């Protein structure tokens, strides 16, 4: 869970890096290899995107939600 703007930027940079890898896989691998290589990165991008959206939906004055154990 993203707690502050520094973590937001780090997550966005990680998403960009992973998206670049997937874009590279699209042109450098066979179709069967692409699915195997890209699926984990795409799942992680989706997870990080959800975290970014959750963070951006909160006003800066709102406290961060407690993490679920």
PDB file of N, CA and C in Angstrom:
ATOM      1  N   UNK A   1       0.842  -1.180   0.000  1.00  0.00           N
ATOM      2  CA  UNK A   1       0.000   0.000   0.000  1.00  0.00           C
ATOM      3  C   UNK A   1       0.885   1.239   0.000  1.00  0.00           C
ATOM      4  N   UNK A   2       0.578   2.151  -0.872  1.00  0.00           N
ATOM      5  CA  UNK A   2       1.344   3.383  -1.007  1.00  0.00           C
ATOM      6  C   UNK A   2       0.971   4.323   0.132  1.00  0.00           C
ATOM      7  N   UNK A   3       1.989   4.809   0.839  1.00  0.00           N
ATOM      8  CA  UNK A   3       1.757   5.652   2.007  1.00  0.00           C
ATOM      9  C   UNK A   3       2.047   7.131   1.772  1.00  0.00           C
ATOM     10  N   UNK A   4       2.874   7.455   0.764  1.00  0.00           N
ATOM     11  CA  UNK A   4       3.254   8.855   0.561  1.00  0.00           C
ATOM     12  C   UNK A   4       3.656   9.077  -0.904  1.00  0.00           C
ATOM     13  N   UNK A   5       3.927  10.347  -1.222  1.00  0.00           N
ATOM     14  CA  UNK A   5       4.241  10.696  -2.607  1.00  0.00           C
ATOM     15  C   UNK A   5       5.548  10.070  -3.084  1.00  0.00           C
ATOM     16  N   UNK A   6       6.496   9.874  -2.199  1.00  0.00           N
ATOM     17  CA  UNK A   6       7.749   9.223  -2.584  1.00  0.00           C
ATOM     18  C   UNK A   6       7.479   7.775  -3.019  1.00  0.00           C
ATOM     19  N   UNK A   7       6.661   7.068  -2.273  1.00  0.00           N
ATOM     20  CA  UNK A   7       6.292   5.700  -2.655  1.00  0.00           C
ATOM     21  C   UNK A   7       5.475   5.689  -3.937  1.00  0.00           C
ATOM     22  N   UNK A   8       4.641   6.705  -4.128  1.00  0.00           N
ATOM     23  CA  UNK A   8       3.871   6.830  -5.374  1.00  0.00           C
ATOM     24  C   UNK A   8       4.820   6.928  -6.570  1.00  0.00           C
ATOM     25  N   UNK A   9       5.813   7.818  -6.480  1.00  0.00           N
ATOM     26  CA  UNK A   9       6.760   7.978  -7.586  1.00  0.00           C
ATOM     27  C   UNK A   9       7.537   6.690  -7.842  1.00  0.00           C
ATOM     28  N   UNK A  10       7.949   6.016  -6.782  1.00  0.00           N
ATOM     29  CA  UNK A  10       8.697   4.770  -6.944  1.00  0.00           C
ATOM     30  C   UNK A  10       7.835   3.708  -7.623  1.00  0.00           C
ATOM     31  N   UNK A  11       6.586   3.625  -7.240  1.00  0.00           N
ATOM     32  CA  UNK A  11       5.677   2.655  -7.843  1.00  0.00           C
ATOM     33  C   UNK A  11       5.429   2.983  -9.305  1.00  0.00           C
ATOM     34  N   UNK A  12       5.250   4.258  -9.613  1.00  0.00           N
ATOM     35  CA  UNK A  12       5.047   4.659 -11.000  1.00  0.00           C
ATOM     36  C   UNK A  12       6.282   4.345 -11.852  1.00  0.00           C
ATOM     37  N   UNK A  13       7.460   4.563 -11.303  1.00  0.00           N
ATOM     38  CA  UNK A  13       8.692   4.241 -12.031  1.00  0.00           C
ATOM     39  C   UNK A  13       8.802   2.734 -12.267  1.00  0.00           C
ATOM     40  N   UNK A  14       8.436   1.958 -11.271  1.00  0.00           N
ATOM     41  CA  UNK A  14       8.481   0.498 -11.408  1.00  0.00           C
ATOM     42  C   UNK A  14       7.488   0.032 -12.471  1.00  0.00           C
ATOM     43  N   UNK A  15       6.293   0.623 -12.475  1.00  0.00           N
ATOM     44  CA  UNK A  15       5.293   0.284 -13.488  1.00  0.00           C
ATOM     45  C   UNK A  15       5.827   0.600 -14.887  1.00  0.00           C
ATOM     46  N   UNK A  16       6.464   1.743 -15.042  1.00  0.00           N
ATOM     47  CA  UNK A  16       7.020   2.141 -16.332  1.00  0.00           C
ATOM     48  C   UNK A  16       8.104   1.171 -16.768  1.00  0.00           C
ATOM     49  N   UNK A  17       8.948   0.773 -15.840  1.00  0.00           N
ATOM     50  CA  UNK A  17      10.011  -0.182 -16.152  1.00  0.00           C
ATOM     51  C   UNK A  17       9.423  -1.516 -16.604  1.00  0.00           C
ATOM     52  N   UNK A  18       8.457  -2.028 -15.852  1.00  0.00           N
ATOM     53  CA  UNK A  18       7.829  -3.311 -16.206  1.00  0.00           C
ATOM     54  C   UNK A  18       7.105  -3.215 -17.550  1.00  0.00           C
ATOM     55  N   UNK A  19       6.422  -2.104 -17.797  1.00  0.00           N
ATOM     56  CA  UNK A  19       5.729  -1.931 -19.076  1.00  0.00           C
ATOM     57  C   UNK A  19       6.734  -1.918 -20.225  1.00  0.00           C
ATOM     58  N   UNK A  20       7.891  -1.312 -20.002  1.00  0.00           N
ATOM     59  CA  UNK A  20       8.933  -1.322 -21.024  1.00  0.00           C
ATOM     60  C   UNK A  20       9.431  -2.724 -21.316  1.00  0.00           C
ATOM     61  N   UNK A  21       9.582  -3.534 -20.263  1.00  0.00           N
ATOM     62  CA  UNK A  21       9.995  -4.921 -20.460  1.00  0.00           C
ATOM     63  C   UNK A  21       8.965  -5.681 -21.279  1.00  0.00           C
ATOM     64  N   UNK A  22       7.693  -5.515 -20.935  1.00  0.00           N
ATOM     65  CA  UNK A  22       6.634  -6.218 -21.667  1.00  0.00           C
ATOM     66  C   UNK A  22       6.611  -5.762 -23.123  1.00  0.00           C
ATOM     67  N   UNK A  23       6.776  -4.474 -23.357  1.00  0.00           N
ATOM     68  CA  UNK A  23       6.796  -3.972 -24.733  1.00  0.00           C
ATOM     69  C   UNK A  23       7.963  -4.586 -25.507  1.00  0.00           C
ATOM     70  N   UNK A  24       9.093  -4.737 -24.847  1.00  0.00           N
ATOM     71  CA  UNK A  24      10.240  -5.364 -25.493  1.00  0.00           C
ATOM     72  C   UNK A  24       9.966  -6.837 -25.780  1.00  0.00           C
ATOM     73  N   UNK A  25       9.345  -7.529 -24.828  1.00  0.00           N
ATOM     74  CA  UNK A  25       9.008  -8.947 -25.026  1.00  0.00           C
ATOM     75  C   UNK A  25       8.093  -9.133 -26.237  1.00  0.00           C
ATOM     76  N   UNK A  26       7.208  -8.162 -26.483  1.00  0.00           N
ATOM     77  CA  UNK A  26       6.246  -8.266 -27.583  1.00  0.00           C
ATOM     78  C   UNK A  26       6.938  -8.430 -28.925  1.00  0.00           C
ATOM     79  N   UNK A  27       8.122  -7.836 -29.064  1.00  0.00           N
ATOM     80  CA  UNK A  27       8.802  -7.865 -30.359  1.00  0.00           C
ATOM     81  C   UNK A  27      10.034  -8.766 -30.388  1.00  0.00           C
ATOM     82  N   UNK A  28      10.456  -9.269 -29.235  1.00  0.00           N
ATOM     83  CA  UNK A  28      11.687 -10.061 -29.203  1.00  0.00           C
ATOM     84  C   UNK A  28      11.460 -11.529 -28.853  1.00  0.00           C
ATOM     85  N   UNK A  29      10.214 -11.907 -28.595  1.00  0.00           N
ATOM     86  CA  UNK A  29       9.929 -13.290 -28.231  1.00  0.00           C
ATOM     87  C   UNK A  29       8.872 -13.867 -29.164  1.00  0.00           C
ATOM     88  N   UNK A  30       8.780 -15.178 -29.155  1.00  0.00           N
ATOM     89  CA  UNK A  30       7.712 -15.832 -29.920  1.00  0.00           C
ATOM     90  C   UNK A  30       6.394 -15.641 -29.170  1.00  0.00           C
ATOM     91  N   UNK A  31       5.260 -15.840 -29.833  1.00  0.00           N
ATOM     92  CA  UNK A  31       3.970 -15.695 -29.156  1.00  0.00           C
ATOM     93  C   UNK A  31       3.851 -16.566 -27.902  1.00  0.00           C
ATOM     94  N   UNK A  32       4.324 -17.790 -27.966  1.00  0.00           N
ATOM     95  CA  UNK A  32       4.209 -18.663 -26.789  1.00  0.00           C
ATOM     96  C   UNK A  32       5.139 -18.210 -25.664  1.00  0.00           C
ATOM     97  N   UNK A  33       6.334 -17.745 -26.020  1.00  0.00           N
ATOM     98  CA  UNK A  33       7.250 -17.226 -24.999  1.00  0.00           C
ATOM     99  C   UNK A  33       6.720 -15.929 -24.400  1.00  0.00           C
ATOM    100  N   UNK A  34       6.111 -15.101 -25.260  1.00  0.00           N
ATOM    101  CA  UNK A  34       5.594 -13.822 -24.779  1.00  0.00           C
ATOM    102  C   UNK A  34       4.610 -14.024 -23.638  1.00  0.00           C
ATOM    103  N   UNK A  35       3.675 -14.904 -23.818  1.00  0.00           N
ATOM    104  CA  UNK A  35       2.667 -15.122 -22.777  1.00  0.00           C
ATOM    105  C   UNK A  35       3.319 -15.563 -21.471  1.00  0.00           C
ATOM    106  N   UNK A  36       4.266 -16.469 -21.568  1.00  0.00           N
ATOM    107  CA  UNK A  36       4.945 -16.959 -20.366  1.00  0.00           C
ATOM    108  C   UNK A  36       5.765 -15.865 -19.696  1.00  0.00           C
ATOM    109  N   UNK A  37       6.474 -15.083 -20.476  1.00  0.00           N
ATOM    110  CA  UNK A  37       7.354 -14.063 -19.921  1.00  0.00           C
ATOM    111  C   UNK A  37       6.595 -12.834 -19.434  1.00  0.00           C
ATOM    112  N   UNK A  38       5.530 -12.470 -20.112  1.00  0.00           N
ATOM    113  CA  UNK A  38       4.837 -11.218 -19.803  1.00  0.00           C
ATOM    114  C   UNK A  38       3.792 -11.346 -18.708  1.00  0.00           C
ATOM    115  N   UNK A  39       3.233 -12.518 -18.511  1.00  0.00           N
ATOM    116  CA  UNK A  39       2.073 -12.643 -17.618  1.00  0.00           C
ATOM    117  C   UNK A  39       2.362 -12.172 -16.189  1.00  0.00           C
ATOM    118  N   UNK A  40       3.495 -12.514 -15.652  1.00  0.00           N
ATOM    119  CA  UNK A  40       3.824 -12.092 -14.286  1.00  0.00           C
ATOM    120  C   UNK A  40       4.005 -10.591 -14.183  1.00  0.00           C
ATOM    121  N   UNK A  41       4.684 -10.013 -15.169  1.00  0.00           N
ATOM    122  CA  UNK A  41       4.875  -8.562 -15.175  1.00  0.00           C
ATOM    123  C   UNK A  41       3.540  -7.838 -15.326  1.00  0.00           C
ATOM    124  N   UNK A  42       2.683  -8.340 -16.203  1.00  0.00           N
ATOM    125  CA  UNK A  42       1.376  -7.700 -16.392  1.00  0.00           C
ATOM    126  C   UNK A  42       0.527  -7.777 -15.128  1.00  0.00           C
ATOM    127  N   UNK A  43       0.580  -8.897 -14.441  1.00  0.00           N
ATOM    128  CA  UNK A  43      -0.166  -9.031 -13.188  1.00  0.00           C
ATOM    129  C   UNK A  43       0.356  -8.039 -12.149  1.00  0.00           C
ATOM    130  N   UNK A  44       1.666  -7.881 -12.094  1.00  0.00           N
ATOM    131  CA  UNK A  44       2.256  -6.939 -11.140  1.00  0.00           C
ATOM    132  C   UNK A  44       1.909  -5.502 -11.509  1.00  0.00           C
ATOM    133  N   UNK A  45       1.899  -5.189 -12.801  1.00  0.00           N
ATOM    134  CA  UNK A  45       1.500  -3.846 -13.239  1.00  0.00           C
ATOM    135  C   UNK A  45       0.061  -3.562 -12.826  1.00  0.00           C
ATOM    136  N   UNK A  46      -0.831  -4.530 -13.006  1.00  0.00           N
ATOM    137  CA  UNK A  46      -2.231  -4.343 -12.612  1.00  0.00           C
ATOM    138  C   UNK A  46      -2.353  -4.116 -11.107  1.00  0.00           C
ATOM    139  N   UNK A  47      -1.606  -4.865 -10.321  1.00  0.00           N
ATOM    140  CA  UNK A  47      -1.635  -4.711  -8.863  1.00  0.00           C
ATOM    141  C   UNK A  47      -1.134  -3.321  -8.466  1.00  0.00           C
ATOM    142  N   UNK A  48      -0.010  -2.903  -9.054  1.00  0.00           N
ATOM    143  CA  UNK A  48       0.533  -1.587  -8.724  1.00  0.00           C
ATOM    144  C   UNK A  48      -0.407  -0.478  -9.182  1.00  0.00           C
ATOM    145  N   UNK A  49      -1.045  -0.657 -10.341  1.00  0.00           N
ATOM    146  CA  UNK A  49      -1.989   0.346 -10.828  1.00  0.00           C
ATOM    147  C   UNK A  49      -3.135   0.521  -9.835  1.00  0.00           C
ATOM    148  N   UNK A  50      -3.641  -0.565  -9.298  1.00  0.00           N
ATOM    149  CA  UNK A  50      -4.718  -0.489  -8.300  1.00  0.00           C
ATOM    150  C   UNK A  50      -4.246   0.265  -7.062  1.00  0.00           C
ATOM    151  N   UNK A  51      -3.003   0.025  -6.645  1.00  0.00           N
ATOM    152  CA  UNK A  51      -2.461   0.733  -5.483  1.00  0.00           C
ATOM    153  C   UNK A  51      -2.324   2.229  -5.766  1.00  0.00           C
ATOM    154  N   UNK A  52      -1.853   2.570  -6.959  1.00  0.00           N
ATOM    155  CA  UNK A  52      -1.717   3.977  -7.342  1.00  0.00           C
ATOM    156  C   UNK A  52      -3.083   4.645  -7.331  1.00  0.00           C
ATOM    157  N   UNK A  53      -4.078   4.004  -7.922  1.00  0.00           N
ATOM    158  CA  UNK A  53      -5.416   4.592  -7.970  1.00  0.00           C
ATOM    159  C   UNK A  53      -5.990   4.756  -6.562  1.00  0.00           C
ATOM    160  N   UNK A  54      -5.773   3.783  -5.701  1.00  0.00           N
ATOM    161  CA  UNK A  54      -6.239   3.900  -4.320  1.00  0.00           C
ATOM    162  C   UNK A  54      -5.604   5.081  -3.615  1.00  0.00           C
ATOM    163  N   UNK A  55      -4.322   5.277  -3.843  1.00  0.00           N
ATOM    164  CA  UNK A  55      -3.614   6.399  -3.226  1.00  0.00           C
ATOM    165  C   UNK A  55      -4.129   7.728  -3.780  1.00  0.00           C
ATOM    166  N   UNK A  56      -4.293   7.801  -5.082  1.00  0.00           N
ATOM    167  CA  UNK A  56      -4.724   9.054  -5.706  1.00  0.00           C
ATOM    168  C   UNK A  56      -6.167   9.418  -5.375  1.00  0.00           C
ATOM    169  N   UNK A  57      -6.970   8.446  -5.001  1.00  0.00           N
ATOM    170  CA  UNK A  57      -8.370   8.726  -4.638  1.00  0.00           C
ATOM    171  C   UNK A  57      -8.488   9.396  -3.273  1.00  0.00           C
ATOM    172  N   UNK A  58      -7.434   9.291  -2.459  1.00  0.00           N
ATOM    173  CA  UNK A  58      -7.458   9.908  -1.121  1.00  0.00           C
ATOM    174  C   UNK A  58      -6.926  11.329  -1.197  1.00  0.00           C
ATOM    175  N   UNK A  59      -7.606  12.233  -0.554  1.00  0.00           N
ATOM    176  CA  UNK A  59      -7.104  13.599  -0.447  1.00  0.00           C
ATOM    177  C   UNK A  59      -5.831  13.570   0.387  1.00  0.00           C
ATOM    178  N   UNK A  60      -4.940  14.523   0.150  1.00  0.00           N
ATOM    179  CA  UNK A  60      -3.658  14.529   0.850  1.00  0.00           C
ATOM    180  C   UNK A  60      -3.808  14.676   2.360  1.00  0.00           C
ATOM    181  N   UNK A  61      -4.931  15.217   2.820  1.00  0.00           N
ATOM    182  CA  UNK A  61      -5.132  15.375   4.265  1.00  0.00           C
ATOM    183  C   UNK A  61      -5.732  14.129   4.918  1.00  0.00           C
ATOM    184  N   UNK A  62      -6.189  13.179   4.113  1.00  0.00           N
ATOM    185  CA  UNK A  62      -6.813  11.960   4.659  1.00  0.00           C
ATOM    186  C   UNK A  62      -5.725  10.995   5.137  1.00  0.00           C
ATOM    187  N   UNK A  63      -5.945  10.371   6.261  1.00  0.00           N
ATOM    188  CA  UNK A  63      -4.965   9.391   6.747  1.00  0.00           C
ATOM    189  C   UNK A  63      -4.940   8.162   5.850  1.00  0.00           C
ATOM    190  N   UNK A  64      -3.777   7.548   5.792  1.00  0.00           N
ATOM    191  CA  UNK A  64      -3.657   6.297   5.029  1.00  0.00           C
ATOM    192  C   UNK A  64      -4.450   5.218   5.731  1.00  0.00           C
ATOM    193  N   UNK A  65      -5.160   4.377   4.964  1.00  0.00           N
ATOM    194  CA  UNK A  65      -5.909   3.286   5.597  1.00  0.00           C
ATOM    195  C   UNK A  65      -4.967   2.291   6.257  1.00  0.00           C
ATOM    196  N   UNK A  66      -5.444   1.676   7.310  1.00  0.00           N
ATOM    197  CA  UNK A  66      -4.644   0.662   8.000  1.00  0.00           C
ATOM    198  C   UNK A  66      -4.474  -0.550   7.101  1.00  0.00           C
ATOM    199  N   UNK A  67      -3.288  -1.152   7.145  1.00  0.00           N
ATOM    200  CA  UNK A  67      -3.038  -2.348   6.354  1.00  0.00           C
ATOM    201  C   UNK A  67      -3.707  -3.540   6.992  1.00  0.00           C
ATOM    202  N   UNK A  68      -4.207  -4.433   6.134  1.00  0.00           N
ATOM    203  CA  UNK A  68      -4.856  -5.657   6.595  1.00  0.00           C
ATOM    204  C   UNK A  68      -3.771  -6.690   6.835  1.00  0.00           C
ATOM    205  N   UNK A  69      -3.829  -7.335   7.981  1.00  0.00           N
ATOM    206  CA  UNK A  69      -2.802  -8.326   8.323  1.00  0.00           C
ATOM    207  C   UNK A  69      -3.051  -9.649   7.662  1.00  0.00           C
TER     208      UNK A  69
END
